[in-house]
Amino acid sequence: MAPLIALVCTTALLLALGAAGVRPLRSWPSALRGGLAAMFTLTGVSHFVGMREEMISMVPPALPAPDLLVTVTGVLELAGAAGLLWARTSPWAAAGLGALLVVMFPANAYAITAQVNTGLTDDLPVRTAMQAVFLAAVLAVLVHHLRGGRRTAPAAPRAGDGTEPAGAGHRRAV
């Protein structure tokens, strides 16, 4: 649950800072990238500190070298978190983290179905819903970039189309 809390709270804080006038945080994609970066930093660090043994126990027995897999996925999460913070690399980081979420989900399912004691949420529907939220967030960052990262702004009024302010576009004959 801590990763979800980190994502939601950090994103909300960054959106509030944007609303308060911090220019780089005015757009929702920037705030969401920051929230995702906080979340993946938290989960990436947990691959090395605090929950390493639990993470290793989550790796299905069919996969080789569980300790190496946990190390590699932790490094990838930390690299992805850093990549999200730079606009130029954020789509690549979002795509990579999305793929990582999909690839790592079976380990979550295995841990729950095999009743591995991880200290994490042991309810598969809850864990699945959280993974769906994380995946939706990284996909939102990616889709925003693929659409050109444009903000939708109202079109500028054109003279003669009836949208100009009263008196605009009209000259007074002298």
Protein backbone atom coordinates (compact mmCIF):
# COMPACT_ATOMS: atom_id res chain seq x y z
CA MET A 1 0.00 0.00 0.00
CA ALA A 2 2.97 2.34 0.61
CA PRO A 3 3.76 2.66 -3.13
CA LEU A 4 0.17 3.71 -3.87
CA ILE A 5 0.25 6.24 -1.04
CA ALA A 6 3.58 7.61 -2.32
CA LEU A 7 2.18 7.95 -5.85
CA VAL A 8 -1.06 9.65 -4.82
CA CYS A 9 0.37 11.94 -2.13
CA THR A 10 3.40 13.07 -4.13
CA THR A 11 1.33 13.71 -7.25
CA ALA A 12 -1.23 15.68 -5.21
CA LEU A 13 1.51 17.71 -3.51
CA LEU A 14 3.15 18.54 -6.84
CA LEU A 15 -0.20 19.52 -8.36
CA ALA A 16 -0.83 21.80 -5.37
CA LEU A 17 2.60 23.38 -5.81
CA GLY A 18 1.81 23.91 -9.49
CA ALA A 19 -1.49 25.56 -8.58
CA ALA A 20 0.40 27.74 -6.10
CA GLY A 21 2.59 29.07 -8.88
CA VAL A 22 5.52 26.68 -9.30
CA ARG A 23 5.60 26.93 -13.08
CA PRO A 24 7.24 23.55 -13.97
CA LEU A 25 4.55 21.72 -11.96
CA ARG A 26 1.51 23.37 -13.53
CA SER A 27 0.79 20.49 -15.89
CA TRP A 28 -0.61 17.19 -14.67
CA PRO A 29 1.98 15.12 -16.61
CA SER A 30 4.83 16.79 -14.71
CA ALA A 31 3.16 16.17 -11.37
CA LEU A 32 2.35 12.57 -12.31
CA ARG A 33 5.94 11.96 -13.43
CA GLY A 34 7.10 13.24 -10.04
CA GLY A 35 4.63 11.01 -8.21
CA LEU A 36 5.72 7.99 -10.23
CA ALA A 37 9.38 8.83 -9.62
CA ALA A 38 8.74 8.92 -5.87
CA MET A 39 6.87 5.62 -6.01
CA PHE A 40 9.50 3.81 -8.07
CA THR A 41 12.28 5.21 -5.90
CA LEU A 42 10.51 3.75 -2.87
CA THR A 43 9.98 0.36 -4.51
CA GLY A 44 13.44 0.32 -6.10
CA VAL A 45 15.18 1.00 -2.81
CA SER A 46 13.13 -1.75 -1.14
CA HIS A 47 14.84 -4.24 -3.47
CA PHE A 48 18.06 -3.52 -1.57
CA VAL A 49 17.07 -2.28 1.89
CA GLY A 50 14.37 -3.43 4.27
CA MET A 51 12.49 -5.94 2.11
CA ARG A 52 15.19 -7.63 0.05
CA GLU A 53 14.63 -11.10 1.51
CA GLU A 54 10.86 -10.80 1.06
CA MET A 55 11.38 -9.74 -2.56
CA ILE A 56 13.66 -12.70 -3.20
CA SER A 57 11.05 -15.06 -1.71
CA MET A 58 8.45 -13.67 -4.15
CA VAL A 59 10.36 -14.88 -7.22
CA PRO A 60 8.69 -18.01 -8.58
CA PRO A 61 10.88 -21.12 -8.18
CA ALA A 62 10.91 -21.72 -11.94
CA LEU A 63 13.06 -18.60 -12.43
CA PRO A 64 16.82 -18.78 -11.94
CA ALA A 65 18.93 -16.62 -9.60
CA PRO A 66 16.19 -14.88 -7.59
CA ASP A 67 18.69 -12.61 -5.82
CA LEU A 68 20.08 -11.42 -9.18
CA LEU A 69 16.56 -10.85 -10.55
CA VAL A 70 15.65 -8.75 -7.52
CA THR A 71 18.85 -6.72 -7.93
CA VAL A 72 18.25 -6.16 -11.65
CA THR A 73 14.61 -5.14 -11.19
CA GLY A 74 15.57 -2.80 -8.35
CA VAL A 75 18.19 -1.10 -10.52
CA LEU A 76 15.69 -0.82 -13.39
CA GLU A 77 13.09 0.76 -11.10
CA LEU A 78 15.60 3.30 -9.81
CA ALA A 79 16.82 4.09 -13.33
CA GLY A 80 13.21 4.46 -14.49
CA ALA A 81 12.45 6.79 -11.59
CA ALA A 82 15.38 8.99 -12.57
CA GLY A 83 14.35 8.87 -16.23
CA LEU A 84 10.84 10.06 -15.41
CA LEU A 85 12.22 13.30 -13.97
CA TRP A 86 13.67 14.50 -17.27
CA ALA A 87 11.08 15.33 -19.92
CA ARG A 88 13.25 14.02 -22.78
CA THR A 89 13.66 10.57 -21.23
CA SER A 90 10.30 10.32 -19.49
CA PRO A 91 8.47 8.51 -22.32
CA TRP A 92 11.22 5.90 -22.53
CA ALA A 93 11.25 5.52 -18.77
CA ALA A 94 7.45 5.25 -18.65
CA ALA A 95 7.44 2.58 -21.38
CA GLY A 96 10.18 0.61 -19.65
CA LEU A 97 8.50 0.83 -16.25
CA GLY A 98 5.19 -0.21 -17.77
CA ALA A 99 6.83 -3.29 -19.27
CA LEU A 100 8.51 -3.99 -15.95
CA LEU A 101 5.18 -3.82 -14.12
CA VAL A 102 3.69 -6.35 -16.51
CA VAL A 103 6.70 -8.68 -16.35
CA MET A 104 6.92 -8.55 -12.54
CA PHE A 105 3.20 -9.07 -11.88
CA PRO A 106 3.45 -12.89 -11.94
CA ALA A 107 5.82 -12.67 -8.97
CA ASN A 108 3.14 -10.76 -7.07
CA ALA A 109 0.53 -13.35 -8.01
CA TYR A 110 2.86 -16.21 -7.09
CA ALA A 111 3.61 -14.71 -3.68
CA ILE A 112 -0.09 -14.48 -2.88
CA THR A 113 -1.18 -17.84 -4.27
CA ALA A 114 1.78 -19.68 -2.70
CA GLN A 115 1.16 -17.80 0.56
CA VAL A 116 4.70 -16.45 0.72
CA ASN A 117 4.98 -14.16 3.72
CA THR A 118 6.06 -10.85 2.21
CA GLY A 119 4.50 -8.37 4.58
CA LEU A 120 2.70 -6.88 1.56
CA THR A 121 -0.99 -6.91 0.71
CA ASP A 122 -1.99 -10.57 0.52
CA ASP A 123 -5.23 -10.01 -1.38
CA LEU A 124 -4.85 -10.70 -5.10
CA PRO A 125 -7.70 -8.41 -6.25
CA VAL A 126 -6.26 -5.52 -4.19
CA ARG A 127 -2.74 -6.12 -5.49
CA THR A 128 -4.06 -6.40 -9.05
CA ALA A 129 -5.98 -3.14 -8.72
CA MET A 130 -2.88 -1.34 -7.41
CA GLN A 131 -0.79 -2.69 -10.29
CA ALA A 132 -3.50 -1.49 -12.70
CA VAL A 133 -3.30 2.02 -11.20
CA PHE A 134 0.50 2.03 -11.53
CA LEU A 135 0.29 0.80 -15.11
CA ALA A 136 -2.38 3.38 -15.98
CA ALA A 137 -0.18 6.14 -14.55
CA VAL A 138 2.90 5.20 -16.59
CA LEU A 139 0.74 4.75 -19.68
CA ALA A 140 -0.78 8.22 -19.13
CA VAL A 141 2.72 9.72 -19.18
CA LEU A 142 3.60 7.77 -22.31
CA VAL A 143 0.36 8.57 -24.17
CA HIS A 144 0.67 12.27 -23.28
CA HIS A 145 4.11 12.30 -24.88
CA LEU A 146 3.01 10.32 -27.94
CA ARG A 147 0.21 12.79 -28.54
CA GLY A 148 2.80 15.53 -28.73
CA GLY A 149 2.56 16.70 -25.14
CA ARG A 150 0.27 19.49 -26.25
CA ARG A 151 -2.02 21.20 -23.87
CA THR A 152 -5.49 21.81 -25.13
CA ALA A 153 -6.00 25.55 -25.16
CA PRO A 154 -8.88 27.47 -26.62
CA ALA A 155 -8.30 28.63 -30.15
CA ALA A 156 -7.41 32.26 -30.59
CA PRO A 157 -10.35 34.32 -31.82
CA ARG A 158 -10.29 35.31 -35.45
CA ALA A 159 -11.54 38.63 -36.74
CA GLY A 160 -15.03 38.42 -38.12
CA ASP A 161 -16.00 35.05 -36.65
CA GLY A 162 -18.02 36.58 -33.83
CA THR A 163 -15.69 35.45 -31.06
CA GLU A 164 -13.67 38.62 -30.66
CA PRO A 165 -14.33 40.87 -27.68
CA ALA A 166 -16.80 43.71 -28.11
CA GLY A 167 -15.28 46.49 -30.14
CA ALA A 168 -12.27 44.45 -31.22
CA GLY A 169 -11.50 44.43 -34.90
CA HIS A 170 -13.66 47.45 -35.60
CA ARG A 171 -12.09 50.76 -36.51
CA ARG A 172 -13.73 53.95 -35.82
CA ALA A 173 -14.07 56.14 -38.84
CA VAL A 174 -12.62 59.55 -38.19
